[in-house]
Structures are given as structure tokens and as C-alpha cells.
Amino acid sequence: MPTEKEMINSLIDKFTDLQRIKKSPDLEKEVDYQLKITKAKLESFGIITEDLELQ
């Protein structure tokens, strides 16, 4: 179970990511970037993301 500090950090990251997307002049490019970063983080924990991607 994540600690309170880990949960706060995760929420700050999410808030920052959403702000970046909202303010981006190129929404598609920013969303693609956010997906790449999130995919890399998940894969660093051994989570395969291929099954999670929408077809």
C-alpha cells in the first residue's frame, strides 16, 4: 500500500500532467508525450502496457 507521501506525489504529478495538457498549444503532441512517459514508468515496474492500449 502506498504511503501518504507517495499518494501526494502521485496526485501532484497527475495535476501537473493535466495542467500541461490543458495549456499545450499542440494537444495531440502533449497527450502522446504524456502517454510515452507513463508507459515508461509502468514498464519500469514490469507492467506490460500492450494489453491496456485501446484498439
N, C-alpha and C. Protein backbone atom coordinates (compact mmCIF):
# COMPACT_ATOMS: atom_id res chain seq x y z
N MET A 1 0.85 -1.18 0.00
CA MET A 1 0.00 0.00 0.00
C MET A 1 0.89 1.24 0.00
N PRO A 2 0.57 2.20 -0.87
CA PRO A 2 1.41 3.40 -0.93
C PRO A 2 1.29 4.24 0.35
N THR A 3 2.39 4.91 0.64
CA THR A 3 2.38 5.80 1.80
C THR A 3 1.65 7.09 1.44
N GLU A 4 1.35 7.88 2.44
CA GLU A 4 0.67 9.15 2.20
C GLU A 4 1.52 10.06 1.30
N LYS A 5 2.84 10.09 1.54
CA LYS A 5 3.72 10.91 0.72
C LYS A 5 3.74 10.44 -0.73
N GLU A 6 3.73 9.13 -0.94
CA GLU A 6 3.69 8.59 -2.30
C GLU A 6 2.39 8.95 -3.01
N MET A 7 1.28 8.90 -2.29
CA MET A 7 0.00 9.27 -2.88
C MET A 7 -0.03 10.76 -3.21
N ILE A 8 0.48 11.60 -2.33
CA ILE A 8 0.54 13.04 -2.59
C ILE A 8 1.40 13.31 -3.81
N ASN A 9 2.55 12.66 -3.89
CA ASN A 9 3.44 12.84 -5.04
C ASN A 9 2.76 12.42 -6.33
N SER A 10 2.05 11.32 -6.30
CA SER A 10 1.33 10.84 -7.47
C SER A 10 0.25 11.84 -7.92
N LEU A 11 -0.47 12.39 -6.96
CA LEU A 11 -1.50 13.37 -7.29
C LEU A 11 -0.91 14.68 -7.82
N ILE A 12 0.23 15.10 -7.28
CA ILE A 12 0.90 16.29 -7.81
C ILE A 12 1.34 16.05 -9.24
N ASP A 13 1.89 14.86 -9.52
CA ASP A 13 2.28 14.50 -10.88
C ASP A 13 1.07 14.55 -11.82
N LYS A 14 -0.04 13.98 -11.38
CA LYS A 14 -1.24 13.96 -12.22
C LYS A 14 -1.75 15.37 -12.48
N PHE A 15 -1.78 16.20 -11.43
CA PHE A 15 -2.22 17.58 -11.56
C PHE A 15 -1.33 18.33 -12.55
N THR A 16 -0.02 18.15 -12.43
CA THR A 16 0.93 18.80 -13.33
C THR A 16 0.72 18.33 -14.77
N ASP A 17 0.55 17.04 -14.95
CA ASP A 17 0.32 16.49 -16.29
C ASP A 17 -0.94 17.08 -16.91
N LEU A 18 -2.01 17.17 -16.15
CA LEU A 18 -3.26 17.71 -16.67
C LEU A 18 -3.12 19.19 -17.02
N GLN A 19 -2.37 19.93 -16.20
CA GLN A 19 -2.12 21.34 -16.50
C GLN A 19 -1.34 21.48 -17.80
N ARG A 20 -0.34 20.63 -17.99
CA ARG A 20 0.45 20.66 -19.23
C ARG A 20 -0.42 20.39 -20.45
N ILE A 21 -1.30 19.40 -20.33
CA ILE A 21 -2.18 19.06 -21.44
C ILE A 21 -3.12 20.23 -21.73
N LYS A 22 -3.70 20.79 -20.70
CA LYS A 22 -4.66 21.89 -20.86
C LYS A 22 -4.02 23.11 -21.53
N LYS A 23 -2.78 23.42 -21.20
CA LYS A 23 -2.11 24.62 -21.71
C LYS A 23 -1.31 24.38 -22.99
N SER A 24 -1.24 23.17 -23.43
CA SER A 24 -0.42 22.84 -24.60
C SER A 24 -0.98 23.44 -25.89
N PRO A 25 -0.11 24.04 -26.70
CA PRO A 25 -0.56 24.54 -27.99
C PRO A 25 -0.84 23.40 -28.98
N ASP A 26 -0.25 22.23 -28.72
CA ASP A 26 -0.46 21.06 -29.58
C ASP A 26 -0.94 19.92 -28.69
N LEU A 27 -2.24 19.84 -28.52
CA LEU A 27 -2.85 18.87 -27.60
C LEU A 27 -2.45 17.44 -27.92
N GLU A 28 -2.51 17.07 -29.19
CA GLU A 28 -2.18 15.70 -29.60
C GLU A 28 -0.74 15.35 -29.24
N LYS A 29 0.18 16.26 -29.50
CA LYS A 29 1.59 16.03 -29.20
C LYS A 29 1.83 15.88 -27.70
N GLU A 30 1.18 16.70 -26.91
CA GLU A 30 1.34 16.63 -25.45
C GLU A 30 0.76 15.34 -24.89
N VAL A 31 -0.40 14.93 -25.38
CA VAL A 31 -1.00 13.67 -24.91
C VAL A 31 -0.10 12.50 -25.28
N ASP A 32 0.44 12.50 -26.49
CA ASP A 32 1.37 11.43 -26.90
C ASP A 32 2.59 11.39 -25.98
N TYR A 33 3.12 12.58 -25.64
CA TYR A 33 4.27 12.65 -24.74
C TYR A 33 3.92 12.09 -23.36
N GLN A 34 2.76 12.48 -22.82
CA GLN A 34 2.34 12.00 -21.51
C GLN A 34 2.16 10.48 -21.52
N LEU A 35 1.62 9.95 -22.61
CA LEU A 35 1.46 8.50 -22.73
C LEU A 35 2.82 7.79 -22.74
N LYS A 36 3.79 8.34 -23.45
CA LYS A 36 5.13 7.74 -23.50
C LYS A 36 5.77 7.70 -22.12
N ILE A 37 5.67 8.82 -21.38
CA ILE A 37 6.25 8.89 -20.04
C ILE A 37 5.58 7.88 -19.11
N THR A 38 4.25 7.83 -19.15
CA THR A 38 3.51 6.91 -18.29
C THR A 38 3.81 5.46 -18.64
N LYS A 39 3.90 5.16 -19.93
CA LYS A 39 4.23 3.81 -20.38
C LYS A 39 5.62 3.40 -19.88
N ALA A 40 6.58 4.31 -19.97
CA ALA A 40 7.93 4.01 -19.49
C ALA A 40 7.94 3.75 -17.99
N LYS A 41 7.18 4.53 -17.24
CA LYS A 41 7.11 4.32 -15.78
C LYS A 41 6.49 2.96 -15.46
N LEU A 42 5.39 2.63 -16.14
CA LEU A 42 4.75 1.34 -15.90
C LEU A 42 5.67 0.17 -16.25
N GLU A 43 6.34 0.29 -17.40
CA GLU A 43 7.23 -0.78 -17.83
C GLU A 43 8.45 -0.92 -16.91
N SER A 44 8.86 0.16 -16.26
CA SER A 44 9.97 0.07 -15.32
C SER A 44 9.60 -0.77 -14.10
N PHE A 45 8.29 -0.93 -13.86
CA PHE A 45 7.80 -1.78 -12.78
C PHE A 45 7.39 -3.16 -13.29
N GLY A 46 7.67 -3.43 -14.58
CA GLY A 46 7.36 -4.73 -15.14
C GLY A 46 5.93 -4.89 -15.62
N ILE A 47 5.20 -3.79 -15.74
CA ILE A 47 3.82 -3.86 -16.20
C ILE A 47 3.80 -3.71 -17.72
N ILE A 48 3.25 -4.70 -18.38
CA ILE A 48 3.16 -4.68 -19.85
C ILE A 48 1.95 -3.85 -20.23
N THR A 49 2.17 -2.82 -21.03
CA THR A 49 1.09 -1.89 -21.36
C THR A 49 0.33 -2.24 -22.64
N GLU A 50 0.84 -3.17 -23.41
CA GLU A 50 0.20 -3.51 -24.67
C GLU A 50 -1.25 -3.95 -24.48
N ASP A 51 -1.51 -4.68 -23.41
CA ASP A 51 -2.87 -5.16 -23.14
C ASP A 51 -3.80 -4.04 -22.69
N LEU A 52 -3.24 -2.92 -22.27
CA LEU A 52 -4.04 -1.79 -21.78
C LEU A 52 -4.42 -0.81 -22.87
N GLU A 53 -3.73 -0.89 -24.02
CA GLU A 53 -3.97 0.07 -25.08
C GLU A 53 -5.27 -0.19 -25.80
N LEU A 54 -5.99 0.90 -26.10
CA LEU A 54 -7.26 0.79 -26.83
C LEU A 54 -6.97 0.43 -28.28
N GLN A 55 -7.82 -0.40 -28.83
CA GLN A 55 -7.67 -0.83 -30.23
C GLN A 55 -8.61 -0.09 -31.12
